[in-house]
Protein backbone atom coordinates (compact mmCIF):
# COMPACT_ATOMS: atom_id res chain seq x y z
CA MET A 1 22.33 -38.46 -0.62
CA ASN A 2 22.44 -35.36 -2.87
CA SER A 3 20.86 -37.39 -5.65
CA PHE A 4 18.01 -38.40 -3.30
CA LYS A 5 17.44 -34.80 -2.31
CA THR A 6 17.30 -33.76 -5.94
CA ILE A 7 14.72 -36.44 -6.75
CA LEU A 8 12.65 -35.47 -3.71
CA SER A 9 12.77 -31.78 -4.65
CA ASP A 10 11.79 -32.58 -8.24
CA THR A 11 8.92 -34.75 -7.06
CA LEU A 12 7.60 -32.09 -4.68
CA HIS A 13 7.91 -29.50 -7.43
CA LEU A 14 5.88 -31.72 -9.74
CA PHE A 15 2.93 -32.07 -7.35
CA TYR A 16 3.31 -28.73 -5.52
CA PRO A 17 4.84 -26.36 -8.07
CA HIS A 18 6.22 -23.02 -6.86
CA VAL A 19 5.22 -20.52 -9.55
CA CYS A 20 5.67 -16.84 -10.14
CA ASN A 21 2.80 -14.74 -8.70
CA GLY A 22 2.93 -12.61 -11.81
CA CYS A 23 3.20 -14.80 -14.88
CA GLY A 24 2.87 -18.29 -13.50
CA SER A 25 6.33 -19.39 -14.64
CA ASP A 26 8.00 -22.06 -12.52
CA ILE A 27 11.49 -20.80 -13.40
CA LEU A 28 12.28 -19.12 -10.08
CA ASP A 29 13.93 -19.82 -6.78
CA ASP A 30 11.68 -21.36 -4.09
CA THR A 31 12.17 -18.25 -1.92
CA ASN A 32 11.04 -15.73 -4.57
CA LEU A 33 7.47 -14.65 -5.28
CA LEU A 34 8.20 -13.24 -8.70
CA CYS A 35 10.47 -14.43 -11.48
CA LEU A 36 13.32 -12.26 -12.74
CA LYS A 37 11.25 -11.28 -15.83
CA CYS A 38 8.37 -9.97 -13.69
CA ILE A 39 10.70 -8.23 -11.26
CA ASN A 40 12.28 -6.39 -14.16
CA GLU A 41 8.87 -5.41 -15.49
CA LEU A 42 7.63 -3.82 -12.27
CA PRO A 43 6.80 -0.22 -13.26
CA HIS A 44 8.59 1.72 -10.50
CA SER A 45 7.80 5.44 -10.54
CA ASN A 46 10.81 6.80 -8.55
CA PHE A 47 8.49 9.53 -7.19
CA ALA A 48 10.04 9.19 -3.71
CA GLN A 49 13.16 10.98 -4.97
CA HIS A 50 11.39 14.06 -6.36
CA ALA A 51 9.52 16.95 -4.74
CA ASN A 52 6.36 18.21 -6.48
CA ASN A 53 5.81 14.78 -8.08
CA PRO A 54 2.42 13.85 -9.51
CA ILE A 55 1.19 12.36 -6.20
CA GLU A 56 1.98 15.54 -4.26
CA LYS A 57 0.30 17.65 -6.92
CA ILE A 58 -2.93 15.74 -6.34
CA PHE A 59 -3.19 17.29 -2.87
CA TRP A 60 -2.13 20.85 -3.71
CA GLY A 61 -4.70 23.25 -2.34
CA ARG A 62 -6.60 20.40 -0.69
CA ILE A 63 -4.60 19.22 2.35
CA PRO A 64 -1.18 20.09 3.77
CA ILE A 65 1.22 17.21 3.28
CA THR A 66 5.03 16.99 3.70
CA SER A 67 5.76 14.40 1.01
CA ALA A 68 3.86 11.83 -1.07
CA HIS A 69 4.80 8.79 -3.11
CA ALA A 70 3.33 5.94 -5.18
CA GLU A 71 5.74 3.08 -5.85
CA PHE A 72 4.31 1.86 -9.15
CA TYR A 73 2.30 3.05 -12.11
CA PHE A 74 -1.07 1.28 -12.38
CA ALA A 75 -2.65 0.29 -15.70
CA LYS A 76 -5.55 -1.99 -16.58
CA GLU A 77 -4.56 -5.56 -17.51
CA SER A 78 -1.07 -4.90 -16.12
CA LEU A 79 1.19 -6.94 -13.85
CA ILE A 80 0.59 -4.52 -10.96
CA GLN A 81 -3.20 -4.73 -11.34
CA ALA A 82 -2.95 -8.52 -11.19
CA LEU A 83 -0.78 -8.46 -8.08
CA ILE A 84 -2.99 -5.97 -6.25
CA HIS A 85 -6.04 -8.06 -7.21
CA GLN A 86 -4.36 -11.06 -5.62
CA LEU A 87 -3.72 -9.07 -2.47
CA LYS A 88 -7.23 -7.67 -2.17
CA TYR A 89 -9.43 -10.51 -3.35
CA LYS A 90 -7.36 -13.74 -3.34
CA ASN A 91 -5.96 -13.67 0.23
CA ASN A 92 -2.42 -13.31 -1.12
CA MET A 93 -0.98 -11.33 1.80
CA GLU A 94 2.50 -12.55 0.94
CA ILE A 95 2.61 -10.54 -2.25
CA GLY A 96 1.28 -7.43 -0.41
CA PHE A 97 4.02 -7.73 2.16
CA TYR A 98 6.64 -8.16 -0.55
CA LEU A 99 5.50 -5.11 -2.50
CA GLY A 100 5.32 -3.15 0.75
CA GLU A 101 8.98 -4.07 1.45
CA LEU A 102 9.92 -2.81 -2.01
CA MET A 103 8.16 0.49 -1.33
CA GLY A 104 9.84 0.71 2.12
CA LYS A 105 13.26 0.35 0.46
CA SER A 106 12.44 3.13 -1.98
CA LEU A 107 11.37 5.40 0.90
CA LEU A 108 14.60 4.54 2.78
CA ASN A 109 16.68 5.54 -0.24
CA SER A 110 14.96 8.94 -0.36
CA ASN A 111 15.84 11.80 1.99
CA ARG A 112 12.22 12.98 1.82
CA PHE A 113 10.63 10.47 4.17
CA GLN A 114 12.89 10.81 7.23
CA ASN A 115 11.83 10.66 10.86
CA ILE A 116 8.44 9.00 10.29
CA ASP A 117 6.97 8.09 13.72
CA TYR A 118 4.08 5.86 12.67
CA LEU A 119 2.69 4.07 9.65
CA ILE A 120 -1.08 4.29 9.51
CA PRO A 121 -2.98 2.04 7.06
CA LEU A 122 -6.08 3.59 5.51
CA PRO A 123 -8.80 1.82 7.44
CA LEU A 124 -11.55 -0.29 5.88
CA TYR A 125 -15.12 -0.17 7.16
CA PRO A 126 -15.17 -2.82 9.97
CA ASP A 127 -17.76 -5.05 8.27
CA LYS A 128 -15.78 -5.03 5.04
CA GLU A 129 -12.55 -5.92 6.91
CA ARG A 130 -14.27 -8.76 8.73
CA LYS A 131 -15.60 -10.16 5.47
CA ARG A 132 -12.19 -9.92 3.77
CA GLY A 133 -10.37 -11.10 6.86
CA TYR A 134 -7.69 -8.39 6.73
CA ASN A 135 -7.01 -4.85 5.61
CA GLN A 136 -4.77 -4.84 2.53
CA ALA A 137 -3.31 -1.45 3.56
CA THR A 138 -2.18 -2.99 6.85
CA VAL A 139 -0.43 -5.80 4.96
CA ILE A 140 1.42 -3.21 2.88
CA CYS A 141 2.32 -1.28 6.05
CA ASN A 142 3.78 -4.43 7.57
CA GLY A 143 6.05 -4.78 4.53
CA ILE A 144 7.13 -1.15 4.78
CA SER A 145 7.73 -1.58 8.51
CA SER A 146 9.97 -4.55 7.84
CA ALA A 147 12.15 -2.41 5.57
CA MET A 148 12.09 0.81 7.60
CA ASN A 149 11.68 -0.40 11.20
CA ILE A 150 8.78 1.98 11.80
CA PRO A 151 5.82 0.86 13.94
CA VAL A 152 2.39 0.33 12.36
CA LEU A 153 -0.45 2.04 14.21
CA THR A 154 -3.81 0.32 13.73
CA ASN A 155 -7.25 0.84 15.29
CA ARG A 156 -6.58 4.52 16.01
CA VAL A 157 -8.18 5.92 12.85
CA ILE A 158 -11.71 4.61 12.50
CA ARG A 159 -13.84 4.42 9.38
CA LEU A 160 -17.26 5.46 10.59
CA ARG A 161 -19.46 4.37 7.70
CA PHE A 162 -19.61 2.19 4.64
CA THR A 163 -18.94 4.06 1.40
CA GLU A 164 -19.88 3.00 -2.08
CA THR A 165 -17.14 2.07 -4.53
CA GLN A 166 -15.38 5.13 -5.96
CA THR A 167 -14.63 3.48 -9.32
CA ARG A 168 -17.36 5.12 -11.45
CA LYS A 169 -17.58 8.45 -9.63
CA HIS A 170 -16.06 11.68 -10.74
CA ARG A 171 -13.94 13.80 -8.40
CA THR A 172 -16.71 15.74 -6.66
CA GLU A 173 -18.83 12.65 -6.15
CA ARG A 174 -15.80 10.83 -4.72
CA TRP A 175 -15.22 13.56 -2.18
CA GLU A 176 -18.92 13.70 -1.15
CA ASN A 177 -18.92 9.91 -0.85
CA VAL A 178 -16.16 9.85 1.75
CA LYS A 179 -16.57 13.25 3.46
CA GLY A 180 -16.59 12.87 7.23
CA SER A 181 -16.01 9.13 7.08
CA PHE A 182 -12.99 9.05 9.41
CA VAL A 183 -12.27 9.88 13.03
CA VAL A 184 -9.14 9.49 15.21
CA LYS A 185 -9.64 7.67 18.48
CA ASN A 186 -7.51 8.90 21.39
CA GLU A 187 -5.79 11.40 19.16
CA SER A 188 -3.22 12.40 21.79
CA ILE A 189 -0.96 9.53 20.60
CA LEU A 190 -0.60 11.45 17.29
CA HIS A 191 0.29 14.78 18.90
CA ASN A 192 3.52 16.21 17.37
CA LYS A 193 4.03 13.02 15.33
CA ASN A 194 5.14 12.63 11.72
CA ILE A 195 2.67 10.20 10.08
CA LEU A 196 2.88 8.17 6.86
CA LEU A 197 -0.67 7.30 5.70
CA VAL A 198 -0.66 4.22 3.42
CA ASP A 199 -3.11 2.75 0.88
CA ASP A 200 -3.00 0.43 -2.12
CA VAL A 201 -4.02 2.62 -5.10
CA ILE A 202 -4.53 6.35 -5.52
CA THR A 203 -6.62 7.93 -8.26
CA THR A 204 -8.15 11.25 -7.22
CA GLY A 205 -6.98 11.01 -3.62
CA ALA A 206 -10.44 11.77 -2.17
CA THR A 207 -10.43 8.98 0.40
CA LEU A 208 -6.88 9.70 1.54
CA GLU A 209 -7.73 13.39 1.78
CA SER A 210 -10.69 12.68 4.03
CA CYS A 211 -8.67 10.38 6.27
CA GLY A 212 -5.72 12.83 6.29
CA GLN A 213 -7.95 15.64 7.44
CA ALA A 214 -9.01 13.57 10.48
CA ILE A 215 -5.33 12.79 11.27
CA LEU A 216 -4.30 16.45 10.97
CA LYS A 217 -6.79 17.45 13.66
CA ALA A 218 -4.30 16.03 16.16
CA GLU A 219 -2.14 18.83 17.58
CA GLY A 220 1.24 19.30 15.88
CA THR A 221 0.80 16.34 13.50
CA THR A 222 2.47 16.31 10.07
CA LEU A 223 1.28 14.07 7.25
CA ASN A 224 2.93 12.06 4.48
CA ILE A 225 1.15 9.77 2.02
CA ALA A 226 2.31 6.64 0.21
CA THR A 227 0.46 4.15 -1.97
CA LEU A 228 1.54 1.06 -3.86
CA ALA A 229 0.26 2.37 -7.19
CA PHE A 230 -0.89 5.48 -9.02
CA ALA A 231 -3.84 5.17 -11.39
CA ALA A 232 -3.68 8.33 -13.46
CA LYS A 233 -7.02 9.59 -14.78
C-alpha cells in the first residue's frame, strides 16, 4: 500500500509539479511555498524591533505616527521583487498571504506594535481593483491578521480618484499626484482606535502619507504603518 502511494505521489508530481515560488526548484515539501534556500535568502529588515528606523524617518515632520515597519529590503531583480510581482500581477494571493503572515510574526515579536485595533489595507482605486480582482494590500493584511488575530477593516477608507503611477516621479510630484485622494467613510468606527495601515512597497511614503492624513482626521485615532518591502531611493 505504501509503495502504491509513493508511485501515485511521484506520478502526480511528474505531471503537476509543486515548485518553489521563488526559484522554481521542486525540492520542497508540498505544504511549503518557498524552498529552504529561498526562505534563508529573504532579506528581513528587523525594523520592527527598533525605534527611529528608516521607515519611521520617512514620515518625520510629515505625519504623526506611533511606529512603522517594512519586513523586507526591496531591490530590482531580487527574490522579493519577483514574489511581489507574482502577488500583484500573477494572481498569486497565496504568496501574499504567506509573506503577510511572516510580517505579522515579526510584529508580534516586537513590543512596538501592541494593542492594534484594526488593520487597514491601502485602498486601490475601485476600477483598478475590479480589473485586478483583488487588492494586494488586503491579501497582505489577511496574512498579518492570521498571525496577530487582529480584524481587517476594508471599505472604510475610500480612494476617490485614479492616480498615475508613482514610479518615475520625484518626491514633490508623488505628493501632488496623491494629495486629497483618500477619504474615510463613517469615520466614527475609527474614533480612539489604534490603526495599522498596510501596503506592499514603500519608497517615498507619499501615498501612505495621504491616506494616513485621512485616517487621522478621525477623533482620537493613532496611526502605525507597515509594508512588505522598503525600496530605498
